[in-house]
Amino acid sequence: MPDFVNPFSGMTPDRKMTHAELLRALRMALSAEEEAVHLYNAQADATDNELAAMVLRDIADEERVHAGEFQRLINILDPDEERFLAEGAAEVDEMAEELGGDGSA
């Protein structure tokens, strides 16, 4: 798991986090959820056991829900977040339009 800035270290600090530290902690948590999605899907792809693959994909989907919760909380706590995300999305939309669709060809 990434260890960007360590607002905790597995222990509760002797003070409350600042707003900036909270945002960094939430971004790290979001990153960990995305990493877990990748890990569980990779494990599901790497097995022929149907039950294990089904359970792993289900857990990966739960992690995607958690990622959505963290992203929404970040959007609420950081007033610039949605603007930056929208700007990035618009850039990808422009590139896809240049390619005449979704760019998957």
PDB file of N, CA and C in Angstrom:
ATOM      1  N   MET A   1       0.855  -1.177   0.000  1.00  0.00           N
ATOM      2  CA  MET A   1       0.000   0.000   0.000  1.00  0.00           C
ATOM      3  C   MET A   1       0.898   1.236   0.000  1.00  0.00           C
ATOM      4  N   PRO A   2       0.498   2.286  -0.716  1.00  0.00           N
ATOM      5  CA  PRO A   2       1.310   3.493  -0.742  1.00  0.00           C
ATOM      6  C   PRO A   2       1.427   4.126   0.640  1.00  0.00           C
ATOM      7  N   ASP A   3       2.545   4.747   0.877  1.00  0.00           N
ATOM      8  CA  ASP A   3       2.759   5.429   2.153  1.00  0.00           C
ATOM      9  C   ASP A   3       3.155   6.862   1.845  1.00  0.00           C
ATOM     10  N   PHE A   4       2.194   7.660   1.385  1.00  0.00           N
ATOM     11  CA  PHE A   4       2.470   9.027   0.956  1.00  0.00           C
ATOM     12  C   PHE A   4       2.949   9.863   2.129  1.00  0.00           C
ATOM     13  N   VAL A   5       2.061  10.443   2.824  1.00  0.00           N
ATOM     14  CA  VAL A   5       2.379  11.198   4.026  1.00  0.00           C
ATOM     15  C   VAL A   5       1.701  10.452   5.152  1.00  0.00           C
ATOM     16  N   ASN A   6       2.361  10.281   6.249  1.00  0.00           N
ATOM     17  CA  ASN A   6       1.863   9.405   7.283  1.00  0.00           C
ATOM     18  C   ASN A   6       1.157  10.178   8.395  1.00  0.00           C
ATOM     19  N   PRO A   7      -0.146  10.469   8.244  1.00  0.00           N
ATOM     20  CA  PRO A   7      -0.855  11.189   9.285  1.00  0.00           C
ATOM     21  C   PRO A   7      -1.107  10.320  10.516  1.00  0.00           C
ATOM     22  N   PHE A   8      -1.088   9.015  10.341  1.00  0.00           N
ATOM     23  CA  PHE A   8      -1.201   8.061  11.447  1.00  0.00           C
ATOM     24  C   PHE A   8       0.051   7.220  11.372  1.00  0.00           C
ATOM     25  N   SER A   9       0.171   6.200  11.944  1.00  0.00           N
ATOM     26  CA  SER A   9       1.190   5.183  11.694  1.00  0.00           C
ATOM     27  C   SER A   9       0.686   3.947  12.373  1.00  0.00           C
ATOM     28  N   GLY A  10      -0.572   3.664  12.138  1.00  0.00           N
ATOM     29  CA  GLY A  10      -1.187   2.547  12.809  1.00  0.00           C
ATOM     30  C   GLY A  10      -1.623   2.874  14.227  1.00  0.00           C
ATOM     31  N   MET A  11      -1.345   4.086  14.662  1.00  0.00           N
ATOM     32  CA  MET A  11      -1.718   4.488  16.022  1.00  0.00           C
ATOM     33  C   MET A  11      -2.452   5.821  15.951  1.00  0.00           C
ATOM     34  N   THR A  12      -3.319   6.070  16.892  1.00  0.00           N
ATOM     35  CA  THR A  12      -4.020   7.340  16.963  1.00  0.00           C
ATOM     36  C   THR A  12      -3.041   8.417  17.422  1.00  0.00           C
ATOM     37  N   PRO A  13      -2.958   9.509  16.679  1.00  0.00           N
ATOM     38  CA  PRO A  13      -2.025  10.561  17.075  1.00  0.00           C
ATOM     39  C   PRO A  13      -2.490  11.260  18.356  1.00  0.00           C
ATOM     40  N   ASP A  14      -1.606  12.011  18.955  1.00  0.00           N
ATOM     41  CA  ASP A  14      -1.952  12.717  20.190  1.00  0.00           C
ATOM     42  C   ASP A  14      -2.666  14.036  19.918  1.00  0.00           C
ATOM     43  N   ARG A  15      -2.995  14.276  18.662  1.00  0.00           N
ATOM     44  CA  ARG A  15      -3.739  15.479  18.280  1.00  0.00           C
ATOM     45  C   ARG A  15      -4.656  15.121  17.122  1.00  0.00           C
ATOM     46  N   LYS A  16      -5.633  15.984  16.872  1.00  0.00           N
ATOM     47  CA  LYS A  16      -6.526  15.793  15.734  1.00  0.00           C
ATOM     48  C   LYS A  16      -5.804  16.240  14.464  1.00  0.00           C
ATOM     49  N   MET A  17      -6.173  15.626  13.356  1.00  0.00           N
ATOM     50  CA  MET A  17      -5.587  16.008  12.076  1.00  0.00           C
ATOM     51  C   MET A  17      -6.067  17.392  11.665  1.00  0.00           C
ATOM     52  N   THR A  18      -5.223  18.086  10.946  1.00  0.00           N
ATOM     53  CA  THR A  18      -5.654  19.334  10.326  1.00  0.00           C
ATOM     54  C   THR A  18      -6.524  18.977   9.121  1.00  0.00           C
ATOM     55  N   HIS A  19      -7.174  19.969   8.556  1.00  0.00           N
ATOM     56  CA  HIS A  19      -7.996  19.745   7.370  1.00  0.00           C
ATOM     57  C   HIS A  19      -7.138  19.183   6.238  1.00  0.00           C
ATOM     58  N   ALA A  20      -5.951  19.748   6.037  1.00  0.00           N
ATOM     59  CA  ALA A  20      -5.050  19.283   4.970  1.00  0.00           C
ATOM     60  C   ALA A  20      -4.610  17.844   5.222  1.00  0.00           C
ATOM     61  N   GLU A  21      -4.313  17.505   6.471  1.00  0.00           N
ATOM     62  CA  GLU A  21      -3.918  16.137   6.796  1.00  0.00           C
ATOM     63  C   GLU A  21      -5.066  15.166   6.570  1.00  0.00           C
ATOM     64  N   LEU A  22      -6.276  15.599   6.908  1.00  0.00           N
ATOM     65  CA  LEU A  22      -7.442  14.756   6.675  1.00  0.00           C
ATOM     66  C   LEU A  22      -7.602  14.476   5.186  1.00  0.00           C
ATOM     67  N   LEU A  23      -7.475  15.500   4.364  1.00  0.00           N
ATOM     68  CA  LEU A  23      -7.593  15.298   2.911  1.00  0.00           C
ATOM     69  C   LEU A  23      -6.515  14.349   2.405  1.00  0.00           C
ATOM     70  N   ARG A  24      -5.285  14.499   2.894  1.00  0.00           N
ATOM     71  CA  ARG A  24      -4.216  13.577   2.482  1.00  0.00           C
ATOM     72  C   ARG A  24      -4.537  12.157   2.920  1.00  0.00           C
ATOM     73  N   ALA A  25      -5.042  11.995   4.132  1.00  0.00           N
ATOM     74  CA  ALA A  25      -5.401  10.669   4.631  1.00  0.00           C
ATOM     75  C   ALA A  25      -6.515  10.056   3.787  1.00  0.00           C
ATOM     76  N   LEU A  26      -7.501  10.865   3.403  1.00  0.00           N
ATOM     77  CA  LEU A  26      -8.603  10.370   2.567  1.00  0.00           C
ATOM     78  C   LEU A  26      -8.107   9.990   1.179  1.00  0.00           C
ATOM     79  N   ARG A  27      -7.183  10.776   0.627  1.00  0.00           N
ATOM     80  CA  ARG A  27      -6.615  10.441  -0.689  1.00  0.00           C
ATOM     81  C   ARG A  27      -5.826   9.136  -0.610  1.00  0.00           C
ATOM     82  N   MET A  28      -5.108   8.938   0.487  1.00  0.00           N
ATOM     83  CA  MET A  28      -4.376   7.692   0.671  1.00  0.00           C
ATOM     84  C   MET A  28      -5.351   6.525   0.793  1.00  0.00           C
ATOM     85  N   ALA A  29      -6.451   6.719   1.512  1.00  0.00           N
ATOM     86  CA  ALA A  29      -7.465   5.675   1.648  1.00  0.00           C
ATOM     87  C   ALA A  29      -8.095   5.367   0.293  1.00  0.00           C
ATOM     88  N   LEU A  30      -8.362   6.396  -0.505  1.00  0.00           N
ATOM     89  CA  LEU A  30      -8.904   6.206  -1.851  1.00  0.00           C
ATOM     90  C   LEU A  30      -7.929   5.390  -2.691  1.00  0.00           C
ATOM     91  N   SER A  31      -6.662   5.742  -2.609  1.00  0.00           N
ATOM     92  CA  SER A  31      -5.636   5.005  -3.339  1.00  0.00           C
ATOM     93  C   SER A  31      -5.589   3.542  -2.910  1.00  0.00           C
ATOM     94  N   ALA A  32      -5.707   3.301  -1.626  1.00  0.00           N
ATOM     95  CA  ALA A  32      -5.685   1.930  -1.116  1.00  0.00           C
ATOM     96  C   ALA A  32      -6.879   1.133  -1.636  1.00  0.00           C
ATOM     97  N   GLU A  33      -8.040   1.765  -1.738  1.00  0.00           N
ATOM     98  CA  GLU A  33      -9.220   1.081  -2.279  1.00  0.00           C
ATOM     99  C   GLU A  33      -8.996   0.715  -3.741  1.00  0.00           C
ATOM    100  N   GLU A  34      -8.437   1.648  -4.516  1.00  0.00           N
ATOM    101  CA  GLU A  34      -8.166   1.371  -5.929  1.00  0.00           C
ATOM    102  C   GLU A  34      -7.136   0.251  -6.067  1.00  0.00           C
ATOM    103  N   GLU A  35      -6.138   0.252  -5.205  1.00  0.00           N
ATOM    104  CA  GLU A  35      -5.138  -0.810  -5.229  1.00  0.00           C
ATOM    105  C   GLU A  35      -5.780  -2.157  -4.890  1.00  0.00           C
ATOM    106  N   ALA A  36      -6.693  -2.156  -3.936  1.00  0.00           N
ATOM    107  CA  ALA A  36      -7.380  -3.393  -3.563  1.00  0.00           C
ATOM    108  C   ALA A  36      -8.230  -3.914  -4.718  1.00  0.00           C
ATOM    109  N   VAL A  37      -8.900  -3.022  -5.452  1.00  0.00           N
ATOM    110  CA  VAL A  37      -9.685  -3.437  -6.623  1.00  0.00           C
ATOM    111  C   VAL A  37      -8.772  -4.159  -7.610  1.00  0.00           C
ATOM    112  N   HIS A  38      -7.627  -3.549  -7.884  1.00  0.00           N
ATOM    113  CA  HIS A  38      -6.671  -4.162  -8.810  1.00  0.00           C
ATOM    114  C   HIS A  38      -6.218  -5.527  -8.300  1.00  0.00           C
ATOM    115  N   LEU A  39      -5.850  -5.603  -7.033  1.00  0.00           N
ATOM    116  CA  LEU A  39      -5.347  -6.841  -6.445  1.00  0.00           C
ATOM    117  C   LEU A  39      -6.381  -7.958  -6.534  1.00  0.00           C
ATOM    118  N   TYR A  40      -7.616  -7.692  -6.113  1.00  0.00           N
ATOM    119  CA  TYR A  40      -8.633  -8.735  -6.096  1.00  0.00           C
ATOM    120  C   TYR A  40      -9.024  -9.179  -7.500  1.00  0.00           C
ATOM    121  N   ASN A  41      -9.106  -8.233  -8.430  1.00  0.00           N
ATOM    122  CA  ASN A  41      -9.413  -8.623  -9.815  1.00  0.00           C
ATOM    123  C   ASN A  41      -8.271  -9.424 -10.429  1.00  0.00           C
ATOM    124  N   ALA A  42      -7.032  -9.045 -10.118  1.00  0.00           N
ATOM    125  CA  ALA A  42      -5.885  -9.799 -10.627  1.00  0.00           C
ATOM    126  C   ALA A  42      -5.889 -11.222 -10.059  1.00  0.00           C
ATOM    127  N   GLN A  43      -6.221 -11.343  -8.778  1.00  0.00           N
ATOM    128  CA  GLN A  43      -6.285 -12.679  -8.183  1.00  0.00           C
ATOM    129  C   GLN A  43      -7.406 -13.497  -8.801  1.00  0.00           C
ATOM    130  N   ALA A  44      -8.540 -12.867  -9.065  1.00  0.00           N
ATOM    131  CA  ALA A  44      -9.661 -13.568  -9.702  1.00  0.00           C
ATOM    132  C   ALA A  44      -9.272 -14.030 -11.106  1.00  0.00           C
ATOM    133  N   ASP A  45      -8.564 -13.182 -11.829  1.00  0.00           N
ATOM    134  CA  ASP A  45      -8.122 -13.549 -13.180  1.00  0.00           C
ATOM    135  C   ASP A  45      -7.098 -14.682 -13.166  1.00  0.00           C
ATOM    136  N   ALA A  46      -6.385 -14.826 -12.054  1.00  0.00           N
ATOM    137  CA  ALA A  46      -5.288 -15.779 -11.977  1.00  0.00           C
ATOM    138  C   ALA A  46      -5.706 -17.154 -11.446  1.00  0.00           C
ATOM    139  N   THR A  47      -6.995 -17.354 -11.197  1.00  0.00           N
ATOM    140  CA  THR A  47      -7.427 -18.649 -10.680  1.00  0.00           C
ATOM    141  C   THR A  47      -8.474 -19.273 -11.592  1.00  0.00           C
ATOM    142  N   ASP A  48      -8.477 -20.601 -11.596  1.00  0.00           N
ATOM    143  CA  ASP A  48      -9.529 -21.336 -12.300  1.00  0.00           C
ATOM    144  C   ASP A  48     -10.658 -21.731 -11.359  1.00  0.00           C
ATOM    145  N   ASN A  49     -10.516 -21.423 -10.077  1.00  0.00           N
ATOM    146  CA  ASN A  49     -11.536 -21.762  -9.093  1.00  0.00           C
ATOM    147  C   ASN A  49     -12.673 -20.747  -9.218  1.00  0.00           C
ATOM    148  N   GLU A  50     -13.815 -21.211  -9.696  1.00  0.00           N
ATOM    149  CA  GLU A  50     -14.933 -20.306  -9.981  1.00  0.00           C
ATOM    150  C   GLU A  50     -15.453 -19.608  -8.735  1.00  0.00           C
ATOM    151  N   LEU A  51     -15.543 -20.341  -7.625  1.00  0.00           N
ATOM    152  CA  LEU A  51     -16.044 -19.730  -6.397  1.00  0.00           C
ATOM    153  C   LEU A  51     -15.093 -18.642  -5.917  1.00  0.00           C
ATOM    154  N   ALA A  52     -13.806 -18.946  -5.893  1.00  0.00           N
ATOM    155  CA  ALA A  52     -12.818 -17.952  -5.451  1.00  0.00           C
ATOM    156  C   ALA A  52     -12.874 -16.723  -6.349  1.00  0.00           C
ATOM    157  N   ALA A  53     -12.946 -16.930  -7.652  1.00  0.00           N
ATOM    158  CA  ALA A  53     -13.003 -15.800  -8.584  1.00  0.00           C
ATOM    159  C   ALA A  53     -14.260 -14.968  -8.351  1.00  0.00           C
ATOM    160  N   MET A  54     -15.388 -15.623  -8.111  1.00  0.00           N
ATOM    161  CA  MET A  54     -16.641 -14.909  -7.870  1.00  0.00           C
ATOM    162  C   MET A  54     -16.555 -14.069  -6.603  1.00  0.00           C
ATOM    163  N   VAL A  55     -16.027 -14.673  -5.540  1.00  0.00           N
ATOM    164  CA  VAL A  55     -15.907 -13.949  -4.265  1.00  0.00           C
ATOM    165  C   VAL A  55     -14.936 -12.773  -4.421  1.00  0.00           C
ATOM    166  N   LEU A  56     -13.804 -13.009  -5.055  1.00  0.00           N
ATOM    167  CA  LEU A  56     -12.814 -11.937  -5.239  1.00  0.00           C
ATOM    168  C   LEU A  56     -13.383 -10.777  -6.054  1.00  0.00           C
ATOM    169  N   ARG A  57     -14.142 -11.074  -7.106  1.00  0.00           N
ATOM    170  CA  ARG A  57     -14.737  -9.993  -7.912  1.00  0.00           C
ATOM    171  C   ARG A  57     -15.806  -9.239  -7.119  1.00  0.00           C
ATOM    172  N   ASP A  58     -16.544  -9.961  -6.291  1.00  0.00           N
ATOM    173  CA  ASP A  58     -17.542  -9.316  -5.438  1.00  0.00           C
ATOM    174  C   ASP A  58     -16.860  -8.371  -4.445  1.00  0.00           C
ATOM    175  N   ILE A  59     -15.784  -8.823  -3.846  1.00  0.00           N
ATOM    176  CA  ILE A  59     -15.046  -7.971  -2.908  1.00  0.00           C
ATOM    177  C   ILE A  59     -14.456  -6.768  -3.639  1.00  0.00           C
ATOM    178  N   ALA A  60     -13.945  -6.980  -4.855  1.00  0.00           N
ATOM    179  CA  ALA A  60     -13.415  -5.858  -5.647  1.00  0.00           C
ATOM    180  C   ALA A  60     -14.500  -4.814  -5.880  1.00  0.00           C
ATOM    181  N   ASP A  61     -15.715  -5.270  -6.177  1.00  0.00           N
ATOM    182  CA  ASP A  61     -16.816  -4.322  -6.382  1.00  0.00           C
ATOM    183  C   ASP A  61     -17.142  -3.561  -5.091  1.00  0.00           C
ATOM    184  N   GLU A  62     -17.055  -4.233  -3.951  1.00  0.00           N
ATOM    185  CA  GLU A  62     -17.277  -3.543  -2.674  1.00  0.00           C
ATOM    186  C   GLU A  62     -16.221  -2.458  -2.458  1.00  0.00           C
ATOM    187  N   GLU A  63     -14.986  -2.756  -2.850  1.00  0.00           N
ATOM    188  CA  GLU A  63     -13.924  -1.755  -2.724  1.00  0.00           C
ATOM    189  C   GLU A  63     -14.196  -0.559  -3.636  1.00  0.00           C
ATOM    190  N   ARG A  64     -14.805  -0.802  -4.786  1.00  0.00           N
ATOM    191  CA  ARG A  64     -15.169   0.302  -5.687  1.00  0.00           C
ATOM    192  C   ARG A  64     -16.220   1.191  -5.035  1.00  0.00           C
ATOM    193  N   VAL A  65     -17.140   0.592  -4.287  1.00  0.00           N
ATOM    194  CA  VAL A  65     -18.127   1.380  -3.541  1.00  0.00           C
ATOM    195  C   VAL A  65     -17.408   2.239  -2.500  1.00  0.00           C
ATOM    196  N   HIS A  66     -16.463   1.638  -1.788  1.00  0.00           N
ATOM    197  CA  HIS A  66     -15.693   2.403  -0.798  1.00  0.00           C
ATOM    198  C   HIS A  66     -14.948   3.555  -1.468  1.00  0.00           C
ATOM    199  N   ALA A  67     -14.376   3.284  -2.645  1.00  0.00           N
ATOM    200  CA  ALA A  67     -13.673   4.342  -3.371  1.00  0.00           C
ATOM    201  C   ALA A  67     -14.626   5.491  -3.683  1.00  0.00           C
ATOM    202  N   GLY A  68     -15.847   5.158  -4.071  1.00  0.00           N
ATOM    203  CA  GLY A  68     -16.842   6.190  -4.349  1.00  0.00           C
ATOM    204  C   GLY A  68     -17.183   7.005  -3.115  1.00  0.00           C
ATOM    205  N   GLU A  69     -17.238   6.338  -1.967  1.00  0.00           N
ATOM    206  CA  GLU A  69     -17.512   7.051  -0.717  1.00  0.00           C
ATOM    207  C   GLU A  69     -16.377   8.010  -0.382  1.00  0.00           C
ATOM    208  N   PHE A  70     -15.139   7.524  -0.499  1.00  0.00           N
ATOM    209  CA  PHE A  70     -14.003   8.407  -0.215  1.00  0.00           C
ATOM    210  C   PHE A  70     -13.957   9.577  -1.196  1.00  0.00           C
ATOM    211  N   GLN A  71     -14.197   9.301  -2.494  1.00  0.00           N
ATOM    212  CA  GLN A  71     -14.149  10.382  -3.478  1.00  0.00           C
ATOM    213  C   GLN A  71     -15.228  11.416  -3.203  1.00  0.00           C
ATOM    214  N   ARG A  72     -16.415  10.966  -2.847  1.00  0.00           N
ATOM    215  CA  ARG A  72     -17.498  11.908  -2.548  1.00  0.00           C
ATOM    216  C   ARG A  72     -17.148  12.761  -1.340  1.00  0.00           C
ATOM    217  N   LEU A  73     -16.582  12.150  -0.312  1.00  0.00           N
ATOM    218  CA  LEU A  73     -16.195  12.906   0.871  1.00  0.00           C
ATOM    219  C   LEU A  73     -15.111  13.931   0.528  1.00  0.00           C
ATOM    220  N   ILE A  74     -14.144  13.535  -0.286  1.00  0.00           N
ATOM    221  CA  ILE A  74     -13.113  14.485  -0.728  1.00  0.00           C
ATOM    222  C   ILE A  74     -13.751  15.626  -1.498  1.00  0.00           C
ATOM    223  N   ASN A  75     -14.694  15.307  -2.382  1.00  0.00           N
ATOM    224  CA  ASN A  75     -15.378  16.349  -3.159  1.00  0.00           C
ATOM    225  C   ASN A  75     -16.069  17.359  -2.252  1.00  0.00           C
ATOM    226  N   ILE A  76     -16.642  16.882  -1.166  1.00  0.00           N
ATOM    227  CA  ILE A  76     -17.335  17.768  -0.229  1.00  0.00           C
ATOM    228  C   ILE A  76     -16.334  18.617   0.552  1.00  0.00           C
ATOM    229  N   LEU A  77     -15.247  18.000   0.991  1.00  0.00           N
ATOM    230  CA  LEU A  77     -14.291  18.700   1.854  1.00  0.00           C
ATOM    231  C   LEU A  77     -13.326  19.609   1.100  1.00  0.00           C
ATOM    232  N   ASP A  78     -13.112  19.348  -0.195  1.00  0.00           N
ATOM    233  CA  ASP A  78     -12.196  20.162  -0.999  1.00  0.00           C
ATOM    234  C   ASP A  78     -12.982  20.827  -2.115  1.00  0.00           C
ATOM    235  N   PRO A  79     -13.259  22.131  -1.992  1.00  0.00           N
ATOM    236  CA  PRO A  79     -14.120  22.802  -2.958  1.00  0.00           C
ATOM    237  C   PRO A  79     -13.574  22.811  -4.385  1.00  0.00           C
ATOM    238  N   ASP A  80     -12.291  22.591  -4.587  1.00  0.00           N
ATOM    239  CA  ASP A  80     -11.713  22.588  -5.936  1.00  0.00           C
ATOM    240  C   ASP A  80     -11.737  21.214  -6.593  1.00  0.00           C
ATOM    241  N   GLU A  81     -12.007  20.170  -5.836  1.00  0.00           N
ATOM    242  CA  GLU A  81     -11.876  18.806  -6.336  1.00  0.00           C
ATOM    243  C   GLU A  81     -12.741  18.527  -7.561  1.00  0.00           C
ATOM    244  N   GLU A  82     -14.014  18.846  -7.484  1.00  0.00           N
ATOM    245  CA  GLU A  82     -14.910  18.539  -8.604  1.00  0.00           C
ATOM    246  C   GLU A  82     -14.522  19.310  -9.856  1.00  0.00           C
ATOM    247  N   ARG A  83     -14.026  20.525  -9.690  1.00  0.00           N
ATOM    248  CA  ARG A  83     -13.585  21.316 -10.849  1.00  0.00           C
ATOM    249  C   ARG A  83     -12.404  20.628 -11.527  1.00  0.00           C
ATOM    250  N   PHE A  84     -11.434  20.167 -10.736  1.00  0.00           N
ATOM    251  CA  PHE A  84     -10.281  19.473 -11.315  1.00  0.00           C
ATOM    252  C   PHE A  84     -10.700  18.171 -11.993  1.00  0.00           C
ATOM    253  N   LEU A  85     -11.577  17.416 -11.365  1.00  0.00           N
ATOM    254  CA  LEU A  85     -12.043  16.169 -11.962  1.00  0.00           C
ATOM    255  C   LEU A  85     -12.806  16.438 -13.264  1.00  0.00           C
ATOM    256  N   ALA A  86     -13.627  17.463 -13.268  1.00  0.00           N
ATOM    257  CA  ALA A  86     -14.380  17.816 -14.471  1.00  0.00           C
ATOM    258  C   ALA A  86     -13.437  18.264 -15.587  1.00  0.00           C
ATOM    259  N   GLU A  87     -12.403  18.995 -15.221  1.00  0.00           N
ATOM    260  CA  GLU A  87     -11.420  19.436 -16.221  1.00  0.00           C
ATOM    261  C   GLU A  87     -10.724  18.232 -16.855  1.00  0.00           C
ATOM    262  N   GLY A  88     -10.337  17.276 -16.035  1.00  0.00           N
ATOM    263  CA  GLY A  88      -9.703  16.064 -16.560  1.00  0.00           C
ATOM    264  C   GLY A  88     -10.648  15.269 -17.439  1.00  0.00           C
ATOM    265  N   ALA A  89     -11.885  15.137 -17.017  1.00  0.00           N
ATOM    266  CA  ALA A  89     -12.876  14.407 -17.807  1.00  0.00           C
ATOM    267  C   ALA A  89     -13.101  15.084 -19.152  1.00  0.00           C
ATOM    268  N   ALA A  90     -13.162  16.413 -19.159  1.00  0.00           N
ATOM    269  CA  ALA A  90     -13.364  17.152 -20.405  1.00  0.00           C
ATOM    270  C   ALA A  90     -12.194  16.940 -21.362  1.00  0.00           C
ATOM    271  N   GLU A  91     -10.983  16.887 -20.829  1.00  0.00           N
ATOM    272  CA  GLU A  91      -9.814  16.650 -21.676  1.00  0.00           C
ATOM    273  C   GLU A  91      -9.900  15.281 -22.348  1.00  0.00           C
ATOM    274  N   VAL A  92     -10.308  14.261 -21.595  1.00  0.00           N
ATOM    275  CA  VAL A  92     -10.446  12.918 -22.172  1.00  0.00           C
ATOM    276  C   VAL A  92     -11.578  12.901 -23.194  1.00  0.00           C
ATOM    277  N   ASP A  93     -12.681  13.579 -22.897  1.00  0.00           N
ATOM    278  CA  ASP A  93     -13.794  13.650 -23.851  1.00  0.00           C
ATOM    279  C   ASP A  93     -13.350  14.280 -25.169  1.00  0.00           C
ATOM    280  N   GLU A  94     -12.546  15.333 -25.093  1.00  0.00           N
ATOM    281  CA  GLU A  94     -12.036  15.976 -26.312  1.00  0.00           C
ATOM    282  C   GLU A  94     -11.173  15.012 -27.120  1.00  0.00           C
ATOM    283  N   MET A  95     -10.310  14.272 -26.449  1.00  0.00           N
ATOM    284  CA  MET A  95      -9.452  13.304 -27.144  1.00  0.00           C
ATOM    285  C   MET A  95     -10.282  12.208 -27.776  1.00  0.00           C
ATOM    286  N   ALA A  96     -11.283  11.714 -27.051  1.00  0.00           N
ATOM    287  CA  ALA A  96     -12.152  10.657 -27.590  1.00  0.00           C
ATOM    288  C   ALA A  96     -12.911  11.172 -28.798  1.00  0.00           C
ATOM    289  N   GLU A  97     -13.369  12.428 -28.736  1.00  0.00           N
ATOM    290  CA  GLU A  97     -14.090  13.016 -29.871  1.00  0.00           C
ATOM    291  C   GLU A  97     -13.187  13.115 -31.102  1.00  0.00           C
ATOM    292  N   GLU A  98     -11.910  13.469 -30.868  1.00  0.00           N
ATOM    293  CA  GLU A  98     -10.956  13.555 -31.980  1.00  0.00           C
ATOM    294  C   GLU A  98     -10.798  12.189 -32.654  1.00  0.00           C
ATOM    295  N   LEU A  99     -10.899  11.133 -31.873  1.00  0.00           N
ATOM    296  CA  LEU A  99     -10.760   9.784 -32.412  1.00  0.00           C
ATOM    297  C   LEU A  99     -12.077   9.248 -32.971  1.00  0.00           C
ATOM    298  N   GLY A 100     -13.147  10.036 -32.824  1.00  0.00           N
ATOM    299  CA  GLY A 100     -14.425   9.644 -33.388  1.00  0.00           C
ATOM    300  C   GLY A 100     -15.227   8.689 -32.530  1.00  0.00           C
ATOM    301  N   GLY A 101     -15.142   8.824 -31.248  1.00  0.00           N
ATOM    302  CA  GLY A 101     -15.939   7.956 -30.373  1.00  0.00           C
ATOM    303  C   GLY A 101     -15.256   7.747 -29.062  1.00  0.00           C
ATOM    304  N   ASP A 102     -15.243   6.490 -28.629  1.00  0.00           N
ATOM    305  CA  ASP A 102     -14.684   6.189 -27.324  1.00  0.00           C
ATOM    306  C   ASP A 102     -13.193   5.863 -27.366  1.00  0.00           C
ATOM    307  N   GLY A 103     -12.600   5.844 -28.549  1.00  0.00           N
ATOM    308  CA  GLY A 103     -11.168   5.628 -28.673  1.00  0.00           C
ATOM    309  C   GLY A 103     -10.731   4.206 -28.474  1.00  0.00           C
ATOM    310  N   SER A 104     -11.665   3.261 -28.456  1.00  0.00           N
ATOM    311  CA  SER A 104     -11.302   1.874 -28.185  1.00  0.00           C
ATOM    312  C   SER A 104     -10.808   1.138 -29.422  1.00  0.00           C
ATOM    313  N   ALA A 105     -10.959   1.742 -30.571  1.00  0.00           N
ATOM    314  CA  ALA A 105     -10.577   1.047 -31.819  1.00  0.00           C
ATOM    315  C   ALA A 105      -9.073   1.015 -32.011  1.00  0.00           C
TER     316      ALA A 105
END
